Amino acid sequence: MRTLHWKLMKTTLRSITILASVIGLTQWLGAQLPSAPQELVLQLDPARSGADIILAGNLHTVDGSFLLKRGAIYFDPATGKATGEIVFDATSGKTGNSARDNKMHKDVIQSQRYPEIVFHPDRADGSLSTSGDSTLQVHGMLAIHGAEHEVTFPVQVNLFGNNWTAKAAFQIPYVKWGMKNPSVLFLRVADTVQVQFHAAGNTAQ
């Protein structure tokens, strides 16, 4: 009886020792493995962000700009899922000519009726480096002139510490999207406008 009891105790102690070893190994492996990437929050700074436009014409090229009102992007590096918004002030658009600007706001983008231009991302394809430059293919919906349009364009992102910068270049077929071509008499302009977006801000997790 005493021998049986001793064998049971030895078996129990051996089981406890093995269990403790497994738990210790699991904890050690957990400490060695890199933690799963968390959602990255990109806060846009309106003072350092905006969009420039280039509209080609037969006599000259029109350059202009729009100011950013607000923006924040929530990005999951593990899945590529993105949410948030980037909001531009449509009424802030300027090209350096008051008569041309009045026509743009009244007849083309109708900014009094549609005062905001908003981009809602839903995913970004590509690998985002935790430091330095990366290029992502960003997909989402661009709301302008009262309608949403599906867009995809490359975005160059640079992360450094808790700061970041980004830039992108893409085209908007504004006439195809229901806006009026402002061409008059002998001055003809393209049906597509070039957009150069730039942004900067801080990150959070």
N, C-alpha and C. Protein backbone atom coordinates (compact mmCIF):
# COMPACT_ATOMS: atom_id res chain seq x y z
N MET A 1 0.83 -1.21 0.00
CA MET A 1 0.00 0.00 0.00
C MET A 1 0.87 1.25 0.00
N ARG A 2 1.90 1.20 0.87
CA ARG A 2 2.80 2.35 0.96
C ARG A 2 3.55 2.54 -0.35
N THR A 3 3.92 1.42 -1.00
CA THR A 3 4.63 1.49 -2.29
C THR A 3 3.73 2.10 -3.37
N LEU A 4 2.46 1.70 -3.38
CA LEU A 4 1.51 2.25 -4.35
C LEU A 4 1.33 3.74 -4.14
N HIS A 5 1.21 4.14 -2.87
CA HIS A 5 1.06 5.57 -2.57
C HIS A 5 2.27 6.36 -3.04
N TRP A 6 3.45 5.82 -2.85
CA TRP A 6 4.68 6.50 -3.27
C TRP A 6 4.73 6.62 -4.79
N LYS A 7 4.29 5.57 -5.50
CA LYS A 7 4.28 5.62 -6.96
C LYS A 7 3.31 6.69 -7.45
N LEU A 8 2.16 6.79 -6.80
CA LEU A 8 1.18 7.82 -7.19
C LEU A 8 1.74 9.22 -6.97
N MET A 9 2.46 9.42 -5.87
CA MET A 9 3.05 10.72 -5.59
C MET A 9 4.10 11.07 -6.63
N LYS A 10 4.94 10.07 -7.01
CA LYS A 10 5.98 10.31 -8.01
C LYS A 10 5.35 10.67 -9.36
N THR A 11 4.26 9.96 -9.70
CA THR A 11 3.58 10.25 -10.97
C THR A 11 2.99 11.65 -10.97
N THR A 12 2.39 12.04 -9.85
CA THR A 12 1.80 13.38 -9.74
C THR A 12 2.86 14.46 -9.83
N LEU A 13 3.98 14.26 -9.12
CA LEU A 13 5.08 15.24 -9.16
C LEU A 13 5.65 15.37 -10.56
N ARG A 14 5.76 14.20 -11.25
CA ARG A 14 6.29 14.23 -12.61
C ARG A 14 5.35 15.01 -13.53
N SER A 15 4.05 14.82 -13.37
CA SER A 15 3.06 15.53 -14.19
C SER A 15 3.12 17.03 -13.94
N ILE A 16 3.27 17.40 -12.65
CA ILE A 16 3.36 18.83 -12.31
C ILE A 16 4.60 19.44 -12.92
N THR A 17 5.71 18.69 -12.88
CA THR A 17 6.97 19.19 -13.44
C THR A 17 6.86 19.40 -14.95
N ILE A 18 6.23 18.42 -15.63
CA ILE A 18 6.06 18.53 -17.08
C ILE A 18 5.17 19.71 -17.42
N LEU A 19 4.05 19.87 -16.67
CA LEU A 19 3.12 20.98 -16.91
C LEU A 19 3.81 22.32 -16.72
N ALA A 20 4.61 22.43 -15.66
CA ALA A 20 5.34 23.67 -15.38
C ALA A 20 6.32 23.98 -16.51
N SER A 21 6.97 22.94 -17.04
CA SER A 21 7.92 23.13 -18.14
C SER A 21 7.21 23.62 -19.40
N VAL A 22 6.03 23.02 -19.68
CA VAL A 22 5.26 23.43 -20.86
C VAL A 22 4.83 24.89 -20.73
N ILE A 23 4.33 25.25 -19.54
CA ILE A 23 3.90 26.64 -19.31
C ILE A 23 5.08 27.60 -19.47
N GLY A 24 6.21 27.23 -18.90
CA GLY A 24 7.39 28.09 -19.00
C GLY A 24 7.85 28.25 -20.43
N LEU A 25 7.83 27.13 -21.22
CA LEU A 25 8.24 27.19 -22.62
C LEU A 25 7.29 28.07 -23.43
N THR A 26 5.99 27.92 -23.14
CA THR A 26 4.99 28.74 -23.85
C THR A 26 5.20 30.22 -23.57
N GLN A 27 5.45 30.57 -22.32
CA GLN A 27 5.68 31.96 -21.96
C GLN A 27 6.94 32.49 -22.63
N TRP A 28 7.98 31.65 -22.70
CA TRP A 28 9.24 32.08 -23.33
C TRP A 28 9.05 32.31 -24.81
N LEU A 29 8.34 31.38 -25.47
CA LEU A 29 8.08 31.54 -26.90
C LEU A 29 7.25 32.79 -27.17
N GLY A 30 6.27 33.06 -26.30
CA GLY A 30 5.46 34.25 -26.47
C GLY A 30 6.27 35.52 -26.36
N ALA A 31 7.28 35.50 -25.48
CA ALA A 31 8.13 36.68 -25.32
C ALA A 31 9.05 36.86 -26.51
N GLN A 32 9.42 35.73 -27.19
CA GLN A 32 10.36 35.82 -28.30
C GLN A 32 9.67 36.22 -29.60
N LEU A 33 8.41 35.81 -29.79
CA LEU A 33 7.71 36.10 -31.03
C LEU A 33 7.32 37.57 -31.09
N PRO A 34 7.40 38.18 -32.29
CA PRO A 34 6.99 39.57 -32.42
C PRO A 34 5.50 39.73 -32.20
N SER A 35 5.12 40.80 -31.56
CA SER A 35 3.71 41.04 -31.29
C SER A 35 2.98 41.36 -32.59
N ALA A 36 1.71 41.01 -32.64
CA ALA A 36 0.91 41.27 -33.84
C ALA A 36 0.77 42.78 -34.05
N PRO A 37 0.89 43.22 -35.29
CA PRO A 37 0.78 44.65 -35.54
C PRO A 37 -0.59 45.19 -35.15
N GLN A 38 -0.61 46.33 -34.50
CA GLN A 38 -1.86 46.92 -34.06
C GLN A 38 -2.36 47.91 -35.11
N GLU A 39 -3.60 48.33 -34.95
CA GLU A 39 -4.16 49.32 -35.84
C GLU A 39 -3.37 50.62 -35.73
N LEU A 40 -3.05 51.18 -36.87
CA LEU A 40 -2.28 52.42 -36.93
C LEU A 40 -3.22 53.57 -37.25
N VAL A 41 -3.15 54.62 -36.46
CA VAL A 41 -3.99 55.80 -36.67
C VAL A 41 -3.13 56.91 -37.25
N LEU A 42 -3.50 57.38 -38.43
CA LEU A 42 -2.78 58.46 -39.10
C LEU A 42 -3.63 59.72 -39.02
N GLN A 43 -3.23 60.63 -38.16
CA GLN A 43 -3.93 61.91 -38.01
C GLN A 43 -3.34 62.93 -38.99
N LEU A 44 -4.17 63.54 -39.82
CA LEU A 44 -3.70 64.51 -40.79
C LEU A 44 -3.66 65.91 -40.19
N ASP A 45 -2.61 66.64 -40.47
CA ASP A 45 -2.47 68.02 -40.02
C ASP A 45 -2.89 68.94 -41.17
N PRO A 46 -4.03 69.65 -41.06
CA PRO A 46 -4.50 70.51 -42.14
C PRO A 46 -3.48 71.57 -42.58
N ALA A 47 -2.65 72.02 -41.63
CA ALA A 47 -1.67 73.05 -41.97
C ALA A 47 -0.57 72.52 -42.89
N ARG A 48 -0.39 71.20 -42.91
CA ARG A 48 0.66 70.60 -43.73
C ARG A 48 0.12 69.65 -44.80
N SER A 49 -1.17 69.77 -45.08
CA SER A 49 -1.81 68.86 -46.04
C SER A 49 -2.65 69.65 -47.02
N GLY A 50 -2.88 69.08 -48.19
CA GLY A 50 -3.71 69.74 -49.19
C GLY A 50 -3.62 69.03 -50.51
N ALA A 51 -4.23 69.63 -51.54
CA ALA A 51 -4.23 69.04 -52.88
C ALA A 51 -3.99 70.14 -53.91
N ASP A 52 -3.11 69.86 -54.85
CA ASP A 52 -2.86 70.76 -55.98
C ASP A 52 -3.49 70.15 -57.22
N ILE A 53 -4.01 71.00 -58.10
CA ILE A 53 -4.64 70.52 -59.32
C ILE A 53 -3.94 71.13 -60.54
N ILE A 54 -3.95 70.37 -61.61
CA ILE A 54 -3.39 70.83 -62.89
C ILE A 54 -4.39 70.49 -63.97
N LEU A 55 -4.86 71.52 -64.68
CA LEU A 55 -5.82 71.33 -65.76
C LEU A 55 -5.19 71.81 -67.06
N ALA A 56 -4.92 70.90 -67.97
CA ALA A 56 -4.27 71.23 -69.23
C ALA A 56 -5.24 71.95 -70.17
N GLY A 57 -4.72 72.95 -70.90
CA GLY A 57 -5.52 73.69 -71.87
C GLY A 57 -4.76 73.90 -73.15
N ASN A 58 -5.46 74.32 -74.19
CA ASN A 58 -4.79 74.52 -75.48
C ASN A 58 -3.95 75.79 -75.50
N LEU A 59 -4.24 76.77 -74.65
CA LEU A 59 -3.46 78.01 -74.62
C LEU A 59 -2.53 78.07 -73.42
N HIS A 60 -2.95 77.52 -72.29
CA HIS A 60 -2.09 77.49 -71.11
C HIS A 60 -2.63 76.45 -70.12
N THR A 61 -1.82 76.14 -69.15
CA THR A 61 -2.19 75.17 -68.12
C THR A 61 -2.65 75.90 -66.86
N VAL A 62 -3.75 75.43 -66.29
CA VAL A 62 -4.30 76.04 -65.08
C VAL A 62 -3.82 75.26 -63.86
N ASP A 63 -3.22 75.99 -62.92
CA ASP A 63 -2.78 75.39 -61.66
C ASP A 63 -3.65 75.92 -60.53
N GLY A 64 -3.96 75.07 -59.59
CA GLY A 64 -4.78 75.49 -58.45
C GLY A 64 -4.52 74.64 -57.23
N SER A 65 -5.25 74.93 -56.17
CA SER A 65 -5.06 74.19 -54.92
C SER A 65 -6.35 74.20 -54.10
N PHE A 66 -6.47 73.16 -53.22
CA PHE A 66 -7.59 73.04 -52.30
C PHE A 66 -7.03 72.76 -50.91
N LEU A 67 -7.66 73.31 -49.89
CA LEU A 67 -7.21 73.14 -48.51
C LEU A 67 -7.88 71.92 -47.87
N LEU A 68 -7.15 71.30 -46.95
CA LEU A 68 -7.71 70.19 -46.17
C LEU A 68 -8.45 70.73 -44.96
N LYS A 69 -9.64 70.20 -44.69
CA LYS A 69 -10.40 70.59 -43.51
C LYS A 69 -10.05 69.71 -42.31
N ARG A 70 -10.03 68.41 -42.53
CA ARG A 70 -9.74 67.46 -41.45
C ARG A 70 -9.47 66.09 -42.06
N GLY A 71 -8.92 65.20 -41.24
CA GLY A 71 -8.69 63.85 -41.75
C GLY A 71 -8.05 62.94 -40.73
N ALA A 72 -8.43 61.67 -40.78
CA ALA A 72 -7.81 60.63 -39.95
C ALA A 72 -8.05 59.30 -40.65
N ILE A 73 -6.98 58.49 -40.73
CA ILE A 73 -7.06 57.18 -41.35
C ILE A 73 -6.72 56.12 -40.31
N TYR A 74 -7.52 55.05 -40.28
CA TYR A 74 -7.30 53.93 -39.36
C TYR A 74 -6.92 52.71 -40.22
N PHE A 75 -5.70 52.24 -40.04
CA PHE A 75 -5.17 51.20 -40.92
C PHE A 75 -4.68 50.00 -40.13
N ASP A 76 -5.11 48.82 -40.55
CA ASP A 76 -4.67 47.56 -39.93
C ASP A 76 -3.62 46.92 -40.83
N PRO A 77 -2.33 46.97 -40.48
CA PRO A 77 -1.28 46.41 -41.33
C PRO A 77 -1.41 44.91 -41.57
N ALA A 78 -2.07 44.20 -40.65
CA ALA A 78 -2.19 42.75 -40.77
C ALA A 78 -3.18 42.35 -41.85
N THR A 79 -4.25 43.12 -42.02
CA THR A 79 -5.31 42.76 -42.97
C THR A 79 -5.39 43.70 -44.17
N GLY A 80 -4.81 44.89 -44.04
CA GLY A 80 -4.92 45.88 -45.10
C GLY A 80 -6.20 46.69 -45.04
N LYS A 81 -7.06 46.40 -44.05
CA LYS A 81 -8.32 47.14 -43.94
C LYS A 81 -8.05 48.57 -43.50
N ALA A 82 -8.77 49.50 -44.10
CA ALA A 82 -8.63 50.92 -43.77
C ALA A 82 -10.00 51.56 -43.63
N THR A 83 -10.11 52.49 -42.70
CA THR A 83 -11.33 53.27 -42.52
C THR A 83 -10.92 54.72 -42.26
N GLY A 84 -11.92 55.56 -42.04
CA GLY A 84 -11.64 56.97 -41.77
C GLY A 84 -12.07 57.85 -42.92
N GLU A 85 -11.55 59.07 -42.96
CA GLU A 85 -11.91 60.00 -44.02
C GLU A 85 -10.87 61.09 -44.17
N ILE A 86 -10.79 61.63 -45.38
CA ILE A 86 -9.98 62.81 -45.68
C ILE A 86 -10.92 63.82 -46.32
N VAL A 87 -11.08 64.97 -45.68
CA VAL A 87 -12.09 65.94 -46.10
C VAL A 87 -11.42 67.23 -46.58
N PHE A 88 -11.71 67.60 -47.83
CA PHE A 88 -11.21 68.85 -48.40
C PHE A 88 -12.32 69.89 -48.43
N ASP A 89 -11.93 71.14 -48.30
CA ASP A 89 -12.86 72.26 -48.39
C ASP A 89 -13.01 72.65 -49.85
N ALA A 90 -14.13 72.26 -50.46
CA ALA A 90 -14.34 72.56 -51.88
C ALA A 90 -14.40 74.06 -52.14
N THR A 91 -14.85 74.82 -51.16
CA THR A 91 -14.98 76.27 -51.35
C THR A 91 -13.62 76.98 -51.31
N SER A 92 -12.57 76.26 -50.92
CA SER A 92 -11.24 76.89 -50.81
C SER A 92 -10.46 76.86 -52.11
N GLY A 93 -11.00 76.21 -53.14
CA GLY A 93 -10.28 76.07 -54.39
C GLY A 93 -9.91 77.40 -55.04
N LYS A 94 -8.64 77.54 -55.40
CA LYS A 94 -8.15 78.77 -56.04
C LYS A 94 -7.20 78.43 -57.17
N THR A 95 -7.26 79.23 -58.23
CA THR A 95 -6.35 79.05 -59.37
C THR A 95 -5.55 80.31 -59.68
N GLY A 96 -5.73 81.36 -58.86
CA GLY A 96 -4.98 82.59 -59.10
C GLY A 96 -5.68 83.59 -60.00
N ASN A 97 -6.91 83.32 -60.42
CA ASN A 97 -7.68 84.22 -61.27
C ASN A 97 -9.11 84.24 -60.73
N SER A 98 -9.55 85.39 -60.24
CA SER A 98 -10.85 85.47 -59.56
C SER A 98 -12.01 85.13 -60.48
N ALA A 99 -11.97 85.59 -61.73
CA ALA A 99 -13.07 85.30 -62.66
C ALA A 99 -13.12 83.80 -62.96
N ARG A 100 -11.96 83.21 -63.15
CA ARG A 100 -11.90 81.77 -63.42
C ARG A 100 -12.35 80.96 -62.19
N ASP A 101 -11.96 81.45 -61.00
CA ASP A 101 -12.36 80.76 -59.78
C ASP A 101 -13.87 80.83 -59.57
N ASN A 102 -14.45 81.98 -59.84
CA ASN A 102 -15.90 82.11 -59.71
C ASN A 102 -16.64 81.13 -60.62
N LYS A 103 -16.12 81.00 -61.85
CA LYS A 103 -16.73 80.08 -62.80
C LYS A 103 -16.57 78.63 -62.33
N MET A 104 -15.39 78.31 -61.79
CA MET A 104 -15.14 76.96 -61.30
C MET A 104 -16.11 76.61 -60.17
N HIS A 105 -16.27 77.54 -59.22
CA HIS A 105 -17.13 77.26 -58.06
C HIS A 105 -18.62 77.26 -58.43
N LYS A 106 -19.01 78.14 -59.34
CA LYS A 106 -20.42 78.26 -59.69
C LYS A 106 -20.87 77.21 -60.70
N ASP A 107 -20.06 76.99 -61.74
CA ASP A 107 -20.50 76.16 -62.87
C ASP A 107 -19.92 74.75 -62.89
N VAL A 108 -18.76 74.55 -62.27
CA VAL A 108 -18.09 73.25 -62.40
C VAL A 108 -18.31 72.40 -61.14
N ILE A 109 -17.67 72.76 -60.03
CA ILE A 109 -17.78 71.93 -58.83
C ILE A 109 -18.97 72.33 -57.95
N GLN A 110 -19.57 73.50 -58.23
CA GLN A 110 -20.75 73.97 -57.48
C GLN A 110 -20.52 73.83 -55.97
N SER A 111 -19.47 74.49 -55.51
CA SER A 111 -19.03 74.32 -54.13
C SER A 111 -20.00 74.85 -53.08
N GLN A 112 -20.86 75.79 -53.44
CA GLN A 112 -21.84 76.26 -52.46
C GLN A 112 -22.87 75.17 -52.17
N ARG A 113 -23.14 74.35 -53.15
CA ARG A 113 -24.09 73.24 -52.98
C ARG A 113 -23.40 71.99 -52.43
N TYR A 114 -22.14 71.80 -52.85
CA TYR A 114 -21.36 70.64 -52.41
C TYR A 114 -20.05 71.14 -51.80
N PRO A 115 -20.07 71.59 -50.55
CA PRO A 115 -18.92 72.28 -49.96
C PRO A 115 -17.75 71.39 -49.54
N GLU A 116 -17.92 70.07 -49.62
CA GLU A 116 -16.83 69.19 -49.20
C GLU A 116 -16.53 68.14 -50.27
N ILE A 117 -15.25 67.81 -50.36
CA ILE A 117 -14.78 66.70 -51.19
C ILE A 117 -14.18 65.69 -50.22
N VAL A 118 -14.73 64.47 -50.19
CA VAL A 118 -14.38 63.51 -49.13
C VAL A 118 -13.90 62.19 -49.73
N PHE A 119 -12.78 61.70 -49.20
CA PHE A 119 -12.29 60.38 -49.58
C PHE A 119 -12.41 59.44 -48.39
N HIS A 120 -13.07 58.28 -48.62
CA HIS A 120 -13.21 57.24 -47.61
C HIS A 120 -12.44 56.00 -48.07
N PRO A 121 -11.30 55.70 -47.46
CA PRO A 121 -10.56 54.49 -47.85
C PRO A 121 -11.20 53.25 -47.24
N ASP A 122 -11.03 52.10 -47.91
CA ASP A 122 -11.51 50.85 -47.32
C ASP A 122 -10.43 49.77 -47.26
N ARG A 123 -9.36 49.94 -48.05
CA ARG A 123 -8.25 48.99 -47.94
C ARG A 123 -7.00 49.58 -48.59
N ALA A 124 -5.86 49.02 -48.21
CA ALA A 124 -4.58 49.42 -48.79
C ALA A 124 -3.76 48.16 -49.02
N ASP A 125 -3.40 47.91 -50.26
CA ASP A 125 -2.62 46.73 -50.61
C ASP A 125 -1.13 47.07 -50.63
N GLY A 126 -0.33 46.20 -50.04
CA GLY A 126 1.10 46.43 -49.97
C GLY A 126 1.59 46.34 -48.54
N SER A 127 2.90 46.33 -48.38
CA SER A 127 3.51 46.22 -47.05
C SER A 127 3.94 47.60 -46.56
N LEU A 128 3.49 47.96 -45.37
CA LEU A 128 3.83 49.24 -44.78
C LEU A 128 5.03 49.07 -43.85
N SER A 129 6.14 49.71 -44.18
CA SER A 129 7.33 49.65 -43.34
C SER A 129 7.11 50.48 -42.08
N THR A 130 7.60 49.98 -40.95
CA THR A 130 7.46 50.70 -39.68
C THR A 130 8.38 51.91 -39.62
N SER A 131 9.32 52.00 -40.55
CA SER A 131 10.21 53.16 -40.61
C SER A 131 10.71 53.31 -42.05
N GLY A 132 10.63 54.52 -42.57
CA GLY A 132 11.09 54.76 -43.93
C GLY A 132 9.95 54.77 -44.94
N ASP A 133 10.31 54.56 -46.20
CA ASP A 133 9.36 54.70 -47.31
C ASP A 133 8.62 53.40 -47.62
N SER A 134 7.36 53.55 -48.01
CA SER A 134 6.53 52.44 -48.48
C SER A 134 5.61 52.98 -49.57
N THR A 135 5.17 52.09 -50.46
CA THR A 135 4.17 52.45 -51.46
C THR A 135 2.99 51.49 -51.34
N LEU A 136 1.81 52.04 -51.14
CA LEU A 136 0.59 51.25 -50.98
C LEU A 136 -0.41 51.62 -52.08
N GLN A 137 -1.15 50.62 -52.54
CA GLN A 137 -2.25 50.86 -53.46
C GLN A 137 -3.51 51.04 -52.62
N VAL A 138 -3.98 52.27 -52.56
CA VAL A 138 -5.11 52.60 -51.69
C VAL A 138 -6.41 52.61 -52.50
N HIS A 139 -7.41 51.93 -51.98
CA HIS A 139 -8.71 51.82 -52.63
C HIS A 139 -9.77 52.45 -51.74
N GLY A 140 -10.76 53.09 -52.36
CA GLY A 140 -11.84 53.67 -51.57
C GLY A 140 -12.83 54.41 -52.45
N MET A 141 -13.64 55.25 -51.80
CA MET A 141 -14.68 56.00 -52.49
C MET A 141 -14.42 57.50 -52.34
N LEU A 142 -14.46 58.21 -53.47
CA LEU A 142 -14.27 59.66 -53.48
C LEU A 142 -15.61 60.32 -53.74
N ALA A 143 -16.06 61.12 -52.78
CA ALA A 143 -17.34 61.83 -52.91
C ALA A 143 -17.07 63.26 -53.35
N ILE A 144 -17.60 63.62 -54.51
CA ILE A 144 -17.42 64.96 -55.06
C ILE A 144 -18.64 65.32 -55.91
N HIS A 145 -19.08 66.55 -55.80
CA HIS A 145 -20.19 67.03 -56.61
C HIS A 145 -21.44 66.17 -56.42
N GLY A 146 -21.65 65.72 -55.17
CA GLY A 146 -22.88 65.00 -54.85
C GLY A 146 -22.92 63.54 -55.23
N ALA A 147 -21.80 62.95 -55.63
CA ALA A 147 -21.78 61.54 -56.00
C ALA A 147 -20.48 60.89 -55.54
N GLU A 148 -20.54 59.57 -55.31
CA GLU A 148 -19.37 58.81 -54.91
C GLU A 148 -18.81 58.02 -56.09
N HIS A 149 -17.47 57.93 -56.14
CA HIS A 149 -16.82 57.23 -57.23
C HIS A 149 -15.72 56.34 -56.67
N GLU A 150 -15.64 55.13 -57.18
CA GLU A 150 -14.62 54.17 -56.75
C GLU A 150 -13.28 54.54 -57.36
N VAL A 151 -12.25 54.61 -56.54
CA VAL A 151 -10.91 54.98 -57.01
C VAL A 151 -9.85 54.09 -56.37
N THR A 152 -8.73 53.94 -57.07
CA THR A 152 -7.55 53.27 -56.55
C THR A 152 -6.33 54.02 -57.07
N PHE A 153 -5.40 54.33 -56.19
CA PHE A 153 -4.21 55.05 -56.61
C PHE A 153 -3.05 54.74 -55.67
N PRO A 154 -1.81 54.85 -56.17
CA PRO A 154 -0.64 54.58 -55.33
C PRO A 154 -0.36 55.75 -54.40
N VAL A 155 -0.01 55.42 -53.16
CA VAL A 155 0.33 56.43 -52.17
C VAL A 155 1.71 56.11 -51.61
N GLN A 156 2.60 57.09 -51.65
CA GLN A 156 3.93 56.93 -51.06
C GLN A 156 3.89 57.45 -49.63
N VAL A 157 4.23 56.58 -48.69
CA VAL A 157 4.16 56.92 -47.26
C VAL A 157 5.55 56.82 -46.66
N ASN A 158 5.88 57.78 -45.81
CA ASN A 158 7.14 57.75 -45.07
C ASN A 158 6.84 57.89 -43.58
N LEU A 159 7.22 56.87 -42.80
CA LEU A 159 7.04 56.89 -41.35
C LEU A 159 8.37 57.16 -40.68
N PHE A 160 8.37 58.07 -39.71
CA PHE A 160 9.58 58.35 -38.94
C PHE A 160 9.16 58.74 -37.53
N GLY A 161 9.43 57.80 -36.59
CA GLY A 161 8.99 58.03 -35.22
C GLY A 161 7.48 58.08 -35.15
N ASN A 162 6.94 59.12 -34.52
CA ASN A 162 5.50 59.31 -34.42
C ASN A 162 4.96 60.24 -35.50
N ASN A 163 5.75 60.47 -36.53
CA ASN A 163 5.35 61.38 -37.61
C ASN A 163 5.31 60.63 -38.94
N TRP A 164 4.62 61.20 -39.90
CA TRP A 164 4.53 60.60 -41.21
C TRP A 164 4.24 61.65 -42.27
N THR A 165 4.57 61.32 -43.50
CA THR A 165 4.21 62.14 -44.65
C THR A 165 3.69 61.19 -45.74
N ALA A 166 2.91 61.73 -46.65
CA ALA A 166 2.38 60.92 -47.74
C ALA A 166 2.15 61.82 -48.96
N LYS A 167 2.22 61.21 -50.13
CA LYS A 167 1.90 61.94 -51.36
C LYS A 167 1.34 60.96 -52.38
N ALA A 168 0.49 61.49 -53.24
CA ALA A 168 -0.14 60.66 -54.27
C ALA A 168 -0.49 61.54 -55.46
N ALA A 169 -0.50 60.94 -56.63
CA ALA A 169 -0.89 61.63 -57.86
C ALA A 169 -1.90 60.77 -58.60
N PHE A 170 -3.01 61.37 -59.01
CA PHE A 170 -4.05 60.62 -59.72
C PHE A 170 -4.87 61.59 -60.56
N GLN A 171 -5.78 61.04 -61.37
CA GLN A 171 -6.60 61.85 -62.26
C GLN A 171 -8.07 61.77 -61.85
N ILE A 172 -8.77 62.86 -62.07
CA ILE A 172 -10.22 62.90 -61.85
C ILE A 172 -10.89 63.25 -63.18
N PRO A 173 -11.66 62.32 -63.76
CA PRO A 173 -12.39 62.61 -65.01
C PRO A 173 -13.66 63.39 -64.71
N TYR A 174 -13.50 64.67 -64.39
CA TYR A 174 -14.60 65.44 -63.82
C TYR A 174 -15.81 65.54 -64.76
N VAL A 175 -15.58 65.59 -66.06
CA VAL A 175 -16.71 65.66 -67.00
C VAL A 175 -17.47 64.34 -67.00
N LYS A 176 -16.74 63.23 -67.03
CA LYS A 176 -17.37 61.90 -66.98
C LYS A 176 -18.15 61.73 -65.69
N TRP A 177 -17.71 62.40 -64.63
CA TRP A 177 -18.37 62.30 -63.33
C TRP A 177 -19.51 63.31 -63.17
N GLY A 178 -19.90 63.96 -64.25
CA GLY A 178 -21.10 64.80 -64.21
C GLY A 178 -20.88 66.28 -64.04
N MET A 179 -19.62 66.74 -64.11
CA MET A 179 -19.34 68.17 -63.97
C MET A 179 -19.13 68.82 -65.34
N LYS A 180 -19.31 70.09 -65.39
CA LYS A 180 -19.26 70.83 -66.66
C LYS A 180 -17.84 71.20 -67.04
N ASN A 181 -17.52 71.05 -68.32
CA ASN A 181 -16.23 71.52 -68.84
C ASN A 181 -16.32 73.04 -69.01
N PRO A 182 -15.37 73.80 -68.38
CA PRO A 182 -15.46 75.27 -68.41
C PRO A 182 -14.90 75.92 -69.67
N SER A 183 -14.65 75.16 -70.73
CA SER A 183 -14.08 75.72 -71.95
C SER A 183 -14.98 76.82 -72.51
N VAL A 184 -14.36 77.90 -73.00
CA VAL A 184 -15.09 79.01 -73.62
C VAL A 184 -14.36 79.46 -74.88
N LEU A 185 -15.13 79.78 -75.92
CA LEU A 185 -14.58 80.30 -77.16
C LEU A 185 -13.37 79.49 -77.63
N PHE A 186 -12.20 80.17 -77.70
CA PHE A 186 -11.01 79.50 -78.19
C PHE A 186 -10.18 78.85 -77.08
N LEU A 187 -10.59 79.06 -75.85
CA LEU A 187 -9.87 78.45 -74.72
C LEU A 187 -10.51 77.11 -74.41
N ARG A 188 -9.76 76.06 -74.70
CA ARG A 188 -10.26 74.71 -74.45
C ARG A 188 -9.41 74.04 -73.38
N VAL A 189 -10.08 73.33 -72.48
CA VAL A 189 -9.36 72.62 -71.42
C VAL A 189 -9.74 71.14 -71.43
N ALA A 190 -8.91 70.32 -70.81
CA ALA A 190 -9.11 68.88 -70.81
C ALA A 190 -10.32 68.48 -69.98
N ASP A 191 -10.83 67.29 -70.26
CA ASP A 191 -11.96 66.75 -69.50
C ASP A 191 -11.51 66.06 -68.22
N THR A 192 -10.20 65.97 -68.03
CA THR A 192 -9.64 65.30 -66.86
C THR A 192 -8.68 66.24 -66.14
N VAL A 193 -8.74 66.29 -64.83
CA VAL A 193 -7.85 67.15 -64.05
C VAL A 193 -6.86 66.27 -63.29
N GLN A 194 -5.59 66.72 -63.25
CA GLN A 194 -4.56 66.01 -62.51
C GLN A 194 -4.56 66.51 -61.06
N VAL A 195 -4.47 65.57 -60.13
CA VAL A 195 -4.47 65.92 -58.71
C VAL A 195 -3.18 65.42 -58.07
N GLN A 196 -2.54 66.28 -57.30
CA GLN A 196 -1.35 65.91 -56.55
C GLN A 196 -1.65 66.17 -55.07
N PHE A 197 -1.80 65.08 -54.33
CA PHE A 197 -2.17 65.14 -52.92
C PHE A 197 -0.92 65.04 -52.05
N HIS A 198 -0.85 65.85 -51.00
CA HIS A 198 0.25 65.76 -50.05
C HIS A 198 -0.33 65.89 -48.63
N ALA A 199 0.25 65.13 -47.71
CA ALA A 199 -0.26 65.15 -46.34
C ALA A 199 0.87 64.88 -45.36
N ALA A 200 0.65 65.30 -44.13
CA ALA A 200 1.61 65.06 -43.04
C ALA A 200 0.83 65.07 -41.75
N GLY A 201 1.37 64.38 -40.76
CA GLY A 201 0.69 64.35 -39.47
C GLY A 201 1.40 63.46 -38.48
N ASN A 202 0.65 63.03 -37.47
CA ASN A 202 1.19 62.19 -36.39
C ASN A 202 0.51 60.82 -36.40
N THR A 203 1.17 59.85 -35.77
CA THR A 203 0.63 58.51 -35.69
C THR A 203 0.27 58.16 -34.25
N ALA A 204 -0.63 57.19 -34.13
CA ALA A 204 -1.01 56.69 -32.81
C ALA A 204 -1.42 55.25 -32.97
N GLN A 205 -1.32 54.47 -31.88
CA GLN A 205 -1.75 53.07 -31.89
C GLN A 205 -2.63 52.80 -30.69
